[in-house]
Amino acid sequence: MMQPNTIGKVEMILAMMLSSTIGVFVYESGQSALNAVFYRCLFGFMFLGFYAWMRGYLNASKVTGKEWLLMLAGGVTLVLNWCFLFTSFSFAPIGVTTVAYHTQPIFVLLIAALFLRERFEAHNWFWVLVAFSGVLMIVDPFSSGWSENLLWGIGSAMVAAVLYAITTLITRRLSHIKPHLIATVHLALGTLMMATFAPVQEVPAAGDHWYWLLALGFLQTAVMYILLYGAFQKLETPMIAVLAYVYPVATVMVDYLVYGNAITPLMTLGMVAILFAGFAMNRNIRPFQWGRKAQTC
């Protein structure tokens, strides 16, 4: 029988693999970003809400008024984050925008330091510089093949990363509330938000797009969240941070296998810079520490 730690790793990897296909399902649905977000929220709320209700996770009797406000604020930033992320898929390759989106761990630390007065080690500014140098390498504005669409795609993904970082910091203050309840509230709020301004009247009544949208709500939302929360309960934070990098790496592979989007050497270098910078900041790696150790030997 597998140990809980091993089960947690499997759940986390499966959740990240499901996340890596989100862009494909959004693109193949043929719907606008706003409509894709609306149906992700609607179907995700139906599936995840039913699961959470069956498991008794929707008990909100101990949630205070302030916590409800925080949950709703986190829901707004989460849904807006999806709007910008799904928009980025229309302008740039899914793999590239997803890696740019993975600057979110860096924004979490920066926002926490600037607005919540959390400690921010001075050496982390080096990794911030490395990450944004990676973004510059991906966009490559000095290349003859530079595209304004690529810039819009990367920009939208990074706005989404900032919004997701805010969601993370808000949700971190609700650590004693069942995450399934938080996610269900977020999806319910997202359904109401998007129903007011998503052009759902443009969605055909019949067609294959419904399969993609239903799967987006069921697989990439409900099932993914269930696996993710299961993993969170079984794994230490450092392991969660490391396994989270399966998501952008797998997305690059999916983008290449499904759409044949080739990545240039400079883009590859830029993506490696972003991913390693985020990893280094999560693990509090000090730049050049190996060199200093070697000199003191």
Protein backbone atom coordinates (compact mmCIF):
# COMPACT_ATOMS: atom_id res chain seq x y z
CA MET A 1 0.00 0.00 0.00
CA MET A 2 1.37 3.42 -0.95
CA GLN A 3 2.41 5.86 1.76
CA PRO A 4 0.43 9.14 2.10
CA ASN A 5 3.49 11.09 0.93
CA THR A 6 3.70 9.02 -2.26
CA ILE A 7 -0.05 9.37 -2.88
CA GLY A 8 0.33 13.14 -2.39
CA LYS A 9 3.08 13.30 -5.01
CA VAL A 10 0.95 11.35 -7.50
CA GLU A 11 -2.04 13.64 -6.83
CA MET A 12 0.10 16.76 -7.25
CA ILE A 13 1.65 15.56 -10.52
CA LEU A 14 -1.75 14.56 -11.93
CA ALA A 15 -3.18 17.96 -10.94
CA MET A 16 -0.30 19.75 -12.69
CA MET A 17 -0.70 17.57 -15.78
CA LEU A 18 -4.39 18.46 -15.95
CA SER A 19 -3.50 22.15 -15.56
CA SER A 20 -1.05 21.86 -18.45
CA THR A 21 -3.92 21.08 -20.87
CA ILE A 22 -6.13 24.05 -19.91
CA GLY A 23 -4.92 26.15 -22.84
CA VAL A 24 -5.74 23.38 -25.32
CA PHE A 25 -9.31 23.03 -24.03
CA VAL A 26 -9.84 26.80 -24.05
CA TYR A 27 -8.45 27.11 -27.59
CA GLU A 28 -10.31 24.08 -28.96
CA SER A 29 -13.62 25.30 -27.52
CA GLY A 30 -13.42 28.16 -30.02
CA GLN A 31 -14.96 30.52 -27.47
CA SER A 32 -13.80 33.93 -26.33
CA ALA A 33 -11.77 34.16 -23.12
CA LEU A 34 -14.75 35.64 -21.27
CA ASN A 35 -17.10 32.85 -22.31
CA ALA A 36 -14.50 30.18 -21.51
CA VAL A 37 -14.10 31.64 -18.02
CA PHE A 38 -17.88 31.79 -17.52
CA TYR A 39 -18.40 28.14 -18.43
CA ARG A 40 -15.36 27.05 -16.44
CA CYS A 41 -16.90 28.74 -13.39
CA LEU A 42 -20.41 27.44 -14.08
CA PHE A 43 -19.52 23.80 -14.75
CA GLY A 44 -16.73 23.83 -12.17
CA PHE A 45 -19.18 25.12 -9.55
CA MET A 46 -21.69 22.41 -10.43
CA PHE A 47 -19.18 19.54 -10.26
CA LEU A 48 -16.97 20.73 -7.38
CA GLY A 49 -19.93 22.08 -5.42
CA PHE A 50 -21.71 18.73 -5.63
CA TYR A 51 -18.57 16.86 -4.54
CA ALA A 52 -17.94 19.27 -1.63
CA TRP A 53 -21.59 19.05 -0.55
CA MET A 54 -21.52 15.24 -0.61
CA ARG A 55 -18.34 15.24 1.52
CA GLY A 56 -19.73 17.77 3.99
CA TYR A 57 -17.13 20.43 3.13
CA LEU A 58 -19.57 23.31 2.70
CA ASN A 59 -20.18 24.04 6.37
CA ALA A 60 -19.70 27.81 6.68
CA SER A 61 -21.17 28.26 10.16
CA LYS A 62 -17.85 29.42 11.66
CA VAL A 63 -16.89 31.79 8.84
CA THR A 64 -16.88 35.42 10.02
CA GLY A 65 -18.04 38.46 8.05
CA LYS A 66 -14.45 39.58 7.48
CA GLU A 67 -13.54 36.12 6.17
CA TRP A 68 -16.48 36.20 3.77
CA LEU A 69 -15.21 39.52 2.43
CA LEU A 70 -11.72 38.04 1.99
CA MET A 71 -13.15 35.01 0.20
CA LEU A 72 -15.13 37.20 -2.16
CA ALA A 73 -12.13 39.46 -2.82
CA GLY A 74 -10.02 36.39 -3.58
CA GLY A 75 -12.74 35.14 -5.91
CA VAL A 76 -12.74 38.41 -7.87
CA THR A 77 -8.96 38.36 -8.36
CA LEU A 78 -9.01 34.65 -9.25
CA VAL A 79 -11.67 35.08 -11.93
CA LEU A 80 -9.95 38.18 -13.38
CA ASN A 81 -6.72 36.19 -13.42
CA TRP A 82 -8.41 33.54 -15.59
CA CYS A 83 -9.74 36.23 -17.92
CA PHE A 84 -6.24 37.57 -18.56
CA LEU A 85 -4.64 34.12 -18.76
CA PHE A 86 -7.20 32.82 -21.28
CA THR A 87 -6.81 36.04 -23.26
CA SER A 88 -3.05 35.43 -23.47
CA PHE A 89 -3.69 32.14 -25.30
CA SER A 90 -5.14 34.14 -28.22
CA PHE A 91 -1.96 36.13 -28.73
CA ALA A 92 0.99 33.83 -28.03
CA PRO A 93 1.84 30.11 -27.84
CA ILE A 94 0.27 28.44 -24.83
CA GLY A 95 3.60 27.09 -23.57
CA VAL A 96 5.27 30.50 -23.67
CA THR A 97 2.43 32.35 -21.92
CA THR A 98 2.17 29.66 -19.24
CA VAL A 99 5.86 29.97 -18.41
CA ALA A 100 5.48 33.77 -18.21
CA TYR A 101 2.47 33.15 -15.96
CA HIS A 102 4.72 31.14 -13.67
CA THR A 103 6.30 34.39 -12.48
CA GLN A 104 3.47 34.29 -9.92
CA PRO A 105 5.67 32.91 -7.07
CA ILE A 106 7.94 35.92 -7.56
CA PHE A 107 5.00 38.33 -7.43
CA VAL A 108 3.75 36.63 -4.25
CA LEU A 109 7.03 37.45 -2.49
CA LEU A 110 7.21 40.97 -3.95
CA ILE A 111 3.63 41.91 -3.05
CA ALA A 112 3.98 40.40 0.43
CA ALA A 113 7.14 42.46 0.99
CA LEU A 114 5.75 45.72 -0.41
CA PHE A 115 2.24 45.68 1.05
CA LEU A 116 2.26 43.18 3.92
CA ARG A 117 5.73 44.11 5.20
CA GLU A 118 6.93 40.55 5.05
CA ARG A 119 10.67 40.00 4.95
CA PHE A 120 12.24 40.07 1.48
CA GLU A 121 15.87 38.99 1.39
CA ALA A 122 18.13 41.40 -0.50
CA HIS A 123 19.58 38.61 -2.66
CA ASN A 124 16.09 37.87 -4.03
CA TRP A 125 16.32 41.04 -6.12
CA PHE A 126 18.95 39.17 -8.14
CA TRP A 127 16.43 36.42 -8.90
CA VAL A 128 13.79 39.01 -9.81
CA LEU A 129 16.27 40.43 -12.31
CA VAL A 130 16.97 36.94 -13.68
CA ALA A 131 13.25 36.21 -14.08
CA PHE A 132 12.46 39.42 -15.91
CA SER A 133 15.55 39.02 -18.06
CA GLY A 134 13.97 35.69 -19.01
CA VAL A 135 10.75 37.46 -19.96
CA LEU A 136 12.76 39.87 -22.14
CA MET A 137 14.49 36.93 -23.84
CA ILE A 138 11.12 35.32 -24.62
CA VAL A 139 9.68 38.52 -26.10
CA ASP A 140 13.00 39.31 -27.86
CA PRO A 141 11.98 42.80 -29.07
CA PHE A 142 15.25 43.19 -31.00
CA SER A 143 14.58 40.21 -33.26
CA SER A 144 13.38 40.64 -36.82
CA GLY A 145 10.70 38.06 -35.99
CA TRP A 146 9.39 40.09 -33.05
CA SER A 147 5.62 40.15 -32.83
CA GLU A 148 3.36 42.64 -31.09
CA ASN A 149 0.94 39.77 -30.45
CA LEU A 150 3.65 37.98 -28.48
CA LEU A 151 4.09 41.08 -26.34
CA TRP A 152 0.34 41.23 -25.67
CA GLY A 153 0.29 37.53 -24.81
CA ILE A 154 3.20 37.78 -22.38
CA GLY A 155 1.78 40.98 -20.88
CA SER A 156 -1.65 39.41 -20.32
CA ALA A 157 -0.07 36.33 -18.73
CA MET A 158 1.95 38.48 -16.34
CA VAL A 159 -1.09 40.55 -15.33
CA ALA A 160 -2.78 37.21 -14.64
CA ALA A 161 0.25 36.20 -12.53
CA VAL A 162 -0.06 39.35 -10.41
CA LEU A 163 -3.78 38.72 -9.88
CA TYR A 164 -3.15 35.10 -8.93
CA ALA A 165 -0.43 36.19 -6.51
CA ILE A 166 -2.98 38.48 -4.82
CA THR A 167 -5.46 35.58 -4.68
CA THR A 168 -2.78 33.41 -3.06
CA LEU A 169 -1.98 36.00 -0.40
CA ILE A 170 -5.68 36.55 0.39
CA THR A 171 -6.40 32.83 0.58
CA ARG A 172 -3.38 32.31 2.82
CA ARG A 173 -5.27 34.31 5.48
CA LEU A 174 -8.11 31.77 5.33
CA SER A 175 -5.95 28.73 6.12
CA HIS A 176 -8.38 27.31 8.73
CA ILE A 177 -11.30 27.26 6.24
CA LYS A 178 -11.79 24.14 4.13
CA PRO A 179 -10.24 24.88 0.71
CA HIS A 180 -13.14 23.13 -1.05
CA LEU A 181 -15.51 25.71 0.47
CA ILE A 182 -13.26 28.57 -0.65
CA ALA A 183 -13.01 27.20 -4.21
CA THR A 184 -16.77 26.61 -4.41
CA VAL A 185 -17.47 30.18 -3.28
CA HIS A 186 -14.94 31.48 -5.83
CA LEU A 187 -16.59 29.52 -8.65
CA ALA A 188 -20.08 30.61 -7.62
CA LEU A 189 -18.95 34.25 -7.54
CA GLY A 190 -17.19 33.82 -10.89
CA THR A 191 -20.39 32.45 -12.44
CA LEU A 192 -22.34 35.50 -11.27
CA MET A 193 -19.58 37.93 -12.31
CA MET A 194 -19.11 36.54 -15.79
CA ALA A 195 -22.85 36.15 -16.43
CA THR A 196 -23.13 39.94 -16.34
CA PHE A 197 -20.65 40.73 -19.11
CA ALA A 198 -19.58 37.53 -20.92
CA PRO A 199 -21.14 37.43 -24.44
CA VAL A 200 -22.78 34.04 -23.85
CA GLN A 201 -25.38 34.80 -26.53
CA GLU A 202 -22.61 34.24 -29.09
CA VAL A 203 -22.15 30.61 -28.04
CA PRO A 204 -23.92 28.23 -30.48
CA ALA A 205 -26.64 26.08 -28.92
CA ALA A 206 -25.15 22.91 -30.39
CA GLY A 207 -21.65 21.87 -31.33
CA ASP A 208 -18.45 20.16 -30.19
CA HIS A 209 -17.48 23.20 -28.14
CA TRP A 210 -19.73 21.94 -25.32
CA TYR A 211 -17.51 18.87 -24.85
CA TRP A 212 -14.46 21.08 -24.41
CA LEU A 213 -16.23 23.47 -22.04
CA LEU A 214 -17.73 20.67 -19.94
CA ALA A 215 -14.32 19.02 -19.69
CA LEU A 216 -12.79 22.37 -18.72
CA GLY A 217 -15.22 22.61 -15.81
CA PHE A 218 -15.04 18.95 -14.80
CA LEU A 219 -11.44 17.83 -15.42
CA GLN A 220 -9.35 21.02 -15.33
CA THR A 221 -11.38 22.57 -12.51
CA ALA A 222 -13.27 20.13 -10.25
CA VAL A 223 -11.00 17.08 -10.57
CA MET A 224 -7.86 19.21 -10.63
CA TYR A 225 -8.82 21.05 -7.42
CA ILE A 226 -9.76 17.78 -5.66
CA LEU A 227 -6.36 16.28 -6.53
CA LEU A 228 -4.55 19.49 -5.61
CA TYR A 229 -6.17 19.83 -2.19
CA GLY A 230 -5.55 16.15 -1.52
CA ALA A 231 -1.86 16.69 -2.28
CA PHE A 232 -1.67 19.81 -0.09
CA GLN A 233 -2.84 17.76 2.90
CA LYS A 234 -0.12 15.14 2.42
CA LEU A 235 2.99 17.06 1.26
CA GLU A 236 5.40 19.53 2.80
CA THR A 237 5.53 23.04 1.28
CA PRO A 238 8.99 22.60 -0.36
CA MET A 239 7.81 19.47 -2.19
CA ILE A 240 4.62 21.25 -3.34
CA ALA A 241 6.74 24.15 -4.67
CA VAL A 242 9.03 21.79 -6.61
CA LEU A 243 6.21 19.68 -8.10
CA ALA A 244 4.36 22.85 -9.16
CA TYR A 245 7.02 23.21 -11.89
CA VAL A 246 5.53 20.17 -13.64
CA TYR A 247 2.77 22.55 -14.81
CA PRO A 248 4.77 24.96 -17.02
CA VAL A 249 7.17 22.29 -18.28
CA ALA A 250 4.32 19.94 -19.22
CA THR A 251 2.46 22.83 -20.89
CA VAL A 252 5.42 23.55 -23.16
CA MET A 253 5.48 19.86 -24.16
CA VAL A 254 1.70 19.76 -24.73
CA ASP A 255 1.89 22.93 -26.83
CA TYR A 256 4.59 21.40 -29.01
CA LEU A 257 2.90 17.98 -29.34
CA VAL A 258 -0.60 19.35 -30.07
CA TYR A 259 0.14 22.51 -32.06
CA GLY A 260 3.77 22.05 -33.11
CA ASN A 261 4.78 25.41 -31.63
CA ALA A 262 8.55 25.33 -31.76
CA ILE A 263 10.54 27.15 -29.11
CA THR A 264 13.64 29.08 -30.21
CA PRO A 265 16.92 28.64 -28.28
CA LEU A 266 16.60 32.17 -26.84
CA MET A 267 13.02 31.46 -25.71
CA THR A 268 14.22 28.24 -24.10
CA LEU A 269 16.92 30.15 -22.23
CA GLY A 270 14.36 32.72 -21.12
CA MET A 271 11.94 30.07 -19.85
CA VAL A 272 14.70 28.29 -17.95
CA ALA A 273 15.67 31.64 -16.37
CA ILE A 274 12.07 32.29 -15.21
CA LEU A 275 11.56 28.79 -13.83
CA PHE A 276 14.90 28.64 -12.06
CA ALA A 277 14.48 32.12 -10.58
CA GLY A 278 11.11 31.12 -9.11
CA PHE A 279 12.60 27.87 -7.79
CA ALA A 280 15.58 29.69 -6.27
CA MET A 281 13.36 32.23 -4.51
CA ASN A 282 11.11 29.49 -3.12
CA ARG A 283 14.14 27.59 -1.80
CA ASN A 284 15.90 30.78 -0.62
CA ILE A 285 18.99 30.00 -2.68
CA ARG A 286 21.62 32.72 -2.42
CA PRO A 287 23.33 33.56 -5.74
CA PHE A 288 27.02 32.72 -5.97
CA GLN A 289 26.90 30.87 -2.64
CA TRP A 290 28.73 27.95 -4.18
CA GLY A 291 31.51 30.23 -5.33
CA ARG A 292 31.90 31.74 -1.87
CA LYS A 293 32.00 28.31 -0.28
CA ALA A 294 34.68 27.21 -2.70
CA GLN A 295 36.82 30.25 -1.88
CA THR A 296 36.64 29.61 1.86
CA CYS A 297 37.74 26.00 1.60
